């Protein structure tokens, strides 16, 4: 790619500058979406590949991070659906499966809230991450997911109800 690492002749953000500026935020978002650091990195790489192919149009639209976030969320949702249809089969002995199944992602702090978020359906988790981690409005979330504001509201309500229910149960078990 010509002009990598420098501002374009018209003073606009280059793709390289965009990646440097957005990588931390988008990676954290991906981790919260999929709760797997390696999968999150793979999804972010695919996101950047798709954004790069359309960079001139995306840059002219003036919201490249919003576009990338939409691609990332959709990839996470699609990956979750694909894995649901054809789950990965681990290789190794039973003790390896037990050991890896019990391991939490390094970014997860092991709190009950963290556990409940990981169990939410992928679209509910996406809405919660976009709303409370990324700080997007209902309208921005609706645009990112390609759904109506009403759908965003219903996903939020269902996710909040699940969080309250699960955290109350967790509290009664340990309280």
C-alpha atoms as a PDB file:
ATOM      1  CA  UNK A   1       0.000   0.000   0.000  1.00  0.00           C
ATOM      2  CA  UNK A   2       1.554   3.324  -0.962  1.00  0.00           C
ATOM      3  CA  UNK A   3       1.849   6.043   1.633  1.00  0.00           C
ATOM      4  CA  UNK A   4       1.788   3.631   4.554  1.00  0.00           C
ATOM      5  CA  UNK A   5       2.547   5.221   7.889  1.00  0.00           C
ATOM      6  CA  UNK A   6       2.116   8.783   6.624  1.00  0.00           C
ATOM      7  CA  UNK A   7      -0.770  11.163   6.187  1.00  0.00           C
ATOM      8  CA  UNK A   8      -2.276  11.186   2.764  1.00  0.00           C
ATOM      9  CA  UNK A   9      -1.569  14.144   0.500  1.00  0.00           C
ATOM     10  CA  UNK A  10      -4.954  15.605   1.404  1.00  0.00           C
ATOM     11  CA  UNK A  11      -4.211  15.462   5.156  1.00  0.00           C
ATOM     12  CA  UNK A  12      -6.679  12.643   5.769  1.00  0.00           C
ATOM     13  CA  UNK A  13      -6.025   9.720   8.081  1.00  0.00           C
ATOM     14  CA  UNK A  14      -4.160   6.820   6.485  1.00  0.00           C
ATOM     15  CA  UNK A  15      -5.193   3.242   7.077  1.00  0.00           C
ATOM     16  CA  UNK A  16      -2.031   2.594   9.123  1.00  0.00           C
ATOM     17  CA  UNK A  17      -2.795   5.571  11.381  1.00  0.00           C
ATOM     18  CA  UNK A  18      -6.350   4.339  11.800  1.00  0.00           C
ATOM     19  CA  UNK A  19      -5.137   0.875  12.846  1.00  0.00           C
ATOM     20  CA  UNK A  20      -2.708   2.317  15.386  1.00  0.00           C
ATOM     21  CA  UNK A  21      -5.350   4.651  16.819  1.00  0.00           C
ATOM     22  CA  UNK A  22      -8.162   2.081  17.044  1.00  0.00           C
ATOM     23  CA  UNK A  23      -6.475  -1.273  17.739  1.00  0.00           C
ATOM     24  CA  UNK A  24      -6.633  -1.145  21.537  1.00  0.00           C
ATOM     25  CA  UNK A  25     -10.291  -0.158  21.715  1.00  0.00           C
ATOM     26  CA  UNK A  26     -11.398  -2.611  19.044  1.00  0.00           C
ATOM     27  CA  UNK A  27      -9.411  -5.497  20.542  1.00  0.00           C
ATOM     28  CA  UNK A  28     -10.952  -4.917  23.985  1.00  0.00           C
ATOM     29  CA  UNK A  29     -14.387  -4.791  22.381  1.00  0.00           C
ATOM     30  CA  UNK A  30     -13.693  -8.060  20.552  1.00  0.00           C
ATOM     31  CA  UNK A  31     -12.505  -9.735  23.760  1.00  0.00           C
ATOM     32  CA  UNK A  32     -15.700  -8.746  25.553  1.00  0.00           C
ATOM     33  CA  UNK A  33     -17.731 -10.046  22.610  1.00  0.00           C
ATOM     34  CA  UNK A  34     -16.134 -13.490  22.381  1.00  0.00           C
ATOM     35  CA  UNK A  35     -14.245 -14.000  25.687  1.00  0.00           C
ATOM     36  CA  UNK A  36     -11.298 -15.556  23.873  1.00  0.00           C
ATOM     37  CA  UNK A  37      -8.164 -13.478  23.275  1.00  0.00           C
ATOM     38  CA  UNK A  38      -6.964 -15.483  20.270  1.00  0.00           C
ATOM     39  CA  UNK A  39     -10.359 -15.520  18.581  1.00  0.00           C
ATOM     40  CA  UNK A  40     -10.716 -11.793  19.308  1.00  0.00           C
ATOM     41  CA  UNK A  41      -7.369 -11.121  17.610  1.00  0.00           C
ATOM     42  CA  UNK A  42      -8.410 -13.221  14.605  1.00  0.00           C
ATOM     43  CA  UNK A  43     -11.714 -11.367  14.304  1.00  0.00           C
ATOM     44  CA  UNK A  44      -9.960  -8.008  14.555  1.00  0.00           C
ATOM     45  CA  UNK A  45      -7.483  -9.033  11.848  1.00  0.00           C
ATOM     46  CA  UNK A  46     -10.360 -10.019   9.562  1.00  0.00           C
ATOM     47  CA  UNK A  47     -12.086  -6.734  10.401  1.00  0.00           C
ATOM     48  CA  UNK A  48      -9.019  -4.744   9.399  1.00  0.00           C
ATOM     49  CA  UNK A  49      -8.710  -6.739   6.166  1.00  0.00           C
ATOM     50  CA  UNK A  50     -12.294  -5.868   5.247  1.00  0.00           C
ATOM     51  CA  UNK A  51     -11.869  -2.222   6.215  1.00  0.00           C
ATOM     52  CA  UNK A  52      -8.617  -2.000   4.194  1.00  0.00           C
ATOM     53  CA  UNK A  53     -10.380  -3.249   1.053  1.00  0.00           C
ATOM     54  CA  UNK A  54     -12.874  -0.384   1.350  1.00  0.00           C
ATOM     55  CA  UNK A  55     -10.597   2.167   3.016  1.00  0.00           C
ATOM     56  CA  UNK A  56     -11.120   5.075   0.579  1.00  0.00           C
ATOM     57  CA  UNK A  57     -14.906   4.831   0.867  1.00  0.00           C
ATOM     58  CA  UNK A  58     -14.822   4.197   4.644  1.00  0.00           C
ATOM     59  CA  UNK A  59     -12.471   7.142   5.247  1.00  0.00           C
ATOM     60  CA  UNK A  60     -14.642   9.458   3.139  1.00  0.00           C
ATOM     61  CA  UNK A  61     -17.655   8.409   5.230  1.00  0.00           C
ATOM     62  CA  UNK A  62     -15.933  10.038   8.192  1.00  0.00           C
ATOM     63  CA  UNK A  63     -16.580   7.273  10.745  1.00  0.00           C
ATOM     64  CA  UNK A  64     -14.037   4.513  10.107  1.00  0.00           C
ATOM     65  CA  UNK A  65     -14.048   3.213  13.690  1.00  0.00           C
ATOM     66  CA  UNK A  66     -17.838   2.926  13.714  1.00  0.00           C
ATOM     67  CA  UNK A  67     -17.662   1.015  10.431  1.00  0.00           C
ATOM     68  CA  UNK A  68     -14.923  -1.271  11.778  1.00  0.00           C
ATOM     69  CA  UNK A  69     -16.877  -1.877  14.981  1.00  0.00           C
ATOM     70  CA  UNK A  70     -19.932  -2.891  12.930  1.00  0.00           C
ATOM     71  CA  UNK A  71     -17.827  -5.340  10.916  1.00  0.00           C
ATOM     72  CA  UNK A  72     -16.284  -6.711  14.123  1.00  0.00           C
ATOM     73  CA  UNK A  73     -19.628  -7.249  15.861  1.00  0.00           C
ATOM     74  CA  UNK A  74     -21.099  -8.959  12.810  1.00  0.00           C
ATOM     75  CA  UNK A  75     -18.059 -11.230  12.522  1.00  0.00           C
ATOM     76  CA  UNK A  76     -18.399 -12.175  16.209  1.00  0.00           C
ATOM     77  CA  UNK A  77     -22.087 -12.970  15.772  1.00  0.00           C
ATOM     78  CA  UNK A  78     -21.437 -14.990  12.613  1.00  0.00           C
ATOM     79  CA  UNK A  79     -18.587 -16.885  14.292  1.00  0.00           C
ATOM     80  CA  UNK A  80     -20.787 -17.758  17.260  1.00  0.00           C
ATOM     81  CA  UNK A  81     -23.509 -19.066  14.936  1.00  0.00           C
ATOM     82  CA  UNK A  82     -20.971 -21.107  12.958  1.00  0.00           C
ATOM     83  CA  UNK A  83     -19.492 -22.626  16.104  1.00  0.00           C
ATOM     84  CA  UNK A  84     -22.999 -23.435  17.334  1.00  0.00           C
ATOM     85  CA  UNK A  85     -23.692 -25.427  14.180  1.00  0.00           C
ATOM     86  CA  UNK A  86     -20.310 -27.122  14.138  1.00  0.00           C
ATOM     87  CA  UNK A  87     -18.517 -26.910  17.466  1.00  0.00           C
ATOM     88  CA  UNK A  88     -14.761 -27.253  17.561  1.00  0.00           C
ATOM     89  CA  UNK A  89     -13.555 -30.682  18.618  1.00  0.00           C
ATOM     90  CA  UNK A  90     -10.554 -30.430  20.938  1.00  0.00           C
ATOM     91  CA  UNK A  91      -7.542 -32.611  20.263  1.00  0.00           C
ATOM     92  CA  UNK A  92      -5.846 -34.416  23.150  1.00  0.00           C
ATOM     93  CA  UNK A  93      -6.837 -36.411  26.168  1.00  0.00           C
ATOM     94  CA  UNK A  94      -9.747 -35.850  28.531  1.00  0.00           C
ATOM     95  CA  UNK A  95      -7.458 -34.169  31.057  1.00  0.00           C
ATOM     96  CA  UNK A  96      -6.507 -31.566  28.414  1.00  0.00           C
ATOM     97  CA  UNK A  97     -10.172 -30.786  27.758  1.00  0.00           C
ATOM     98  CA  UNK A  98     -10.836 -30.387  31.496  1.00  0.00           C
ATOM     99  CA  UNK A  99      -7.782 -28.192  31.945  1.00  0.00           C
ATOM    100  CA  UNK A 100      -8.621 -25.863  29.051  1.00  0.00           C
ATOM    101  CA  UNK A 101     -12.337 -25.707  29.801  1.00  0.00           C
ATOM    102  CA  UNK A 102     -11.598 -24.465  33.322  1.00  0.00           C
ATOM    103  CA  UNK A 103      -9.205 -21.735  32.151  1.00  0.00           C
ATOM    104  CA  UNK A 104     -10.527 -18.167  31.929  1.00  0.00           C
ATOM    105  CA  UNK A 105      -9.282 -15.594  29.441  1.00  0.00           C
ATOM    106  CA  UNK A 106      -6.510 -13.437  30.893  1.00  0.00           C
ATOM    107  CA  UNK A 107      -8.624 -10.313  30.430  1.00  0.00           C
ATOM    108  CA  UNK A 108     -11.548 -11.744  32.411  1.00  0.00           C
ATOM    109  CA  UNK A 109     -11.373 -11.019  36.109  1.00  0.00           C
ATOM    110  CA  UNK A 110     -13.438 -14.012  37.242  1.00  0.00           C
ATOM    111  CA  UNK A 111     -16.211 -11.985  38.865  1.00  0.00           C
ATOM    112  CA  UNK A 112     -19.765 -13.304  38.792  1.00  0.00           C
ATOM    113  CA  UNK A 113     -20.654 -10.487  36.369  1.00  0.00           C
ATOM    114  CA  UNK A 114     -17.898 -11.612  34.041  1.00  0.00           C
ATOM    115  CA  UNK A 115     -19.202 -15.192  34.116  1.00  0.00           C
ATOM    116  CA  UNK A 116     -22.779 -14.087  33.409  1.00  0.00           C
ATOM    117  CA  UNK A 117     -21.729 -11.876  30.497  1.00  0.00           C
ATOM    118  CA  UNK A 118     -19.867 -14.798  28.959  1.00  0.00           C
ATOM    119  CA  UNK A 119     -23.073 -16.886  29.064  1.00  0.00           C
ATOM    120  CA  UNK A 120     -25.356 -14.304  27.438  1.00  0.00           C
ATOM    121  CA  UNK A 121     -26.528 -14.992  23.880  1.00  0.00           C
ATOM    122  CA  UNK A 122     -24.137 -13.334  21.458  1.00  0.00           C
ATOM    123  CA  UNK A 123     -26.491 -10.556  20.288  1.00  0.00           C
ATOM    124  CA  UNK A 124     -27.431  -9.638  23.863  1.00  0.00           C
ATOM    125  CA  UNK A 125     -23.748  -9.572  24.800  1.00  0.00           C
ATOM    126  CA  UNK A 126     -22.994  -7.453  21.733  1.00  0.00           C
ATOM    127  CA  UNK A 127     -25.644  -4.917  22.752  1.00  0.00           C
ATOM    128  CA  UNK A 128     -24.318  -4.785  26.326  1.00  0.00           C
ATOM    129  CA  UNK A 129     -20.700  -4.383  25.188  1.00  0.00           C
ATOM    130  CA  UNK A 130     -21.560  -1.701  22.643  1.00  0.00           C
ATOM    131  CA  UNK A 131     -23.751   0.196  25.132  1.00  0.00           C
ATOM    132  CA  UNK A 132     -21.795  -0.036  28.353  1.00  0.00           C
ATOM    133  CA  UNK A 133     -18.227  -0.642  27.178  1.00  0.00           C
ATOM    134  CA  UNK A 134     -18.151   1.398  23.964  1.00  0.00           C
ATOM    135  CA  UNK A 135     -20.702   3.978  25.154  1.00  0.00           C
ATOM    136  CA  UNK A 136     -22.802   3.879  21.987  1.00  0.00           C
ATOM    137  CA  UNK A 137     -26.367   5.171  21.887  1.00  0.00           C
ATOM    138  CA  UNK A 138     -29.295   2.889  21.067  1.00  0.00           C
ATOM    139  CA  UNK A 139     -29.394   4.341  17.562  1.00  0.00           C
ATOM    140  CA  UNK A 140     -25.675   3.739  17.009  1.00  0.00           C
ATOM    141  CA  UNK A 141     -26.029   0.150  18.251  1.00  0.00           C
ATOM    142  CA  UNK A 142     -29.009  -0.389  15.958  1.00  0.00           C
ATOM    143  CA  UNK A 143     -26.945   0.846  13.019  1.00  0.00           C
ATOM    144  CA  UNK A 144     -23.954  -1.310  14.000  1.00  0.00           C
ATOM    145  CA  UNK A 145     -26.069  -4.456  14.274  1.00  0.00           C
ATOM    146  CA  UNK A 146     -28.435  -3.668  11.410  1.00  0.00           C
ATOM    147  CA  UNK A 147     -31.511  -3.890  13.643  1.00  0.00           C
ATOM    148  CA  UNK A 148     -34.169  -1.498  14.922  1.00  0.00           C
ATOM    149  CA  UNK A 149     -33.879   0.552  18.110  1.00  0.00           C
ATOM    150  CA  UNK A 150     -36.708  -1.568  19.508  1.00  0.00           C
ATOM    151  CA  UNK A 151     -34.633  -4.705  19.008  1.00  0.00           C
ATOM    152  CA  UNK A 152     -31.717  -3.047  20.793  1.00  0.00           C
ATOM    153  CA  UNK A 153     -34.037  -2.154  23.680  1.00  0.00           C
ATOM    154  CA  UNK A 154     -35.428  -5.694  23.930  1.00  0.00           C
ATOM    155  CA  UNK A 155     -31.938  -7.258  23.825  1.00  0.00           C
ATOM    156  CA  UNK A 156     -30.834  -4.832  26.530  1.00  0.00           C
ATOM    157  CA  UNK A 157     -33.849  -5.607  28.717  1.00  0.00           C
ATOM    158  CA  UNK A 158     -33.374  -9.366  28.349  1.00  0.00           C
ATOM    159  CA  UNK A 159     -29.661  -9.135  29.072  1.00  0.00           C
ATOM    160  CA  UNK A 160     -30.217  -6.947  32.135  1.00  0.00           C
ATOM    161  CA  UNK A 161     -32.869  -9.354  33.446  1.00  0.00           C
ATOM    162  CA  UNK A 162     -30.478 -12.287  32.988  1.00  0.00           C
ATOM    163  CA  UNK A 163     -27.686 -10.382  34.709  1.00  0.00           C
ATOM    164  CA  UNK A 164     -29.900  -9.479  37.675  1.00  0.00           C
ATOM    165  CA  UNK A 165     -31.233 -13.026  37.962  1.00  0.00           C
ATOM    166  CA  UNK A 166     -27.825 -14.692  37.712  1.00  0.00           C
ATOM    167  CA  UNK A 167     -26.135 -12.255  40.090  1.00  0.00           C
ATOM    168  CA  UNK A 168     -28.951 -12.670  42.639  1.00  0.00           C
ATOM    169  CA  UNK A 169     -28.565 -16.456  42.428  1.00  0.00           C
ATOM    170  CA  UNK A 170     -24.802 -16.134  42.757  1.00  0.00           C
ATOM    171  CA  UNK A 171     -25.238 -13.894  45.793  1.00  0.00           C
ATOM    172  CA  UNK A 172     -27.628 -16.333  47.480  1.00  0.00           C
ATOM    173  CA  UNK A 173     -25.178 -19.217  46.900  1.00  0.00           C
ATOM    174  CA  UNK A 174     -22.311 -17.302  48.471  1.00  0.00           C
ATOM    175  CA  UNK A 175     -24.261 -15.048  50.834  1.00  0.00           C
END
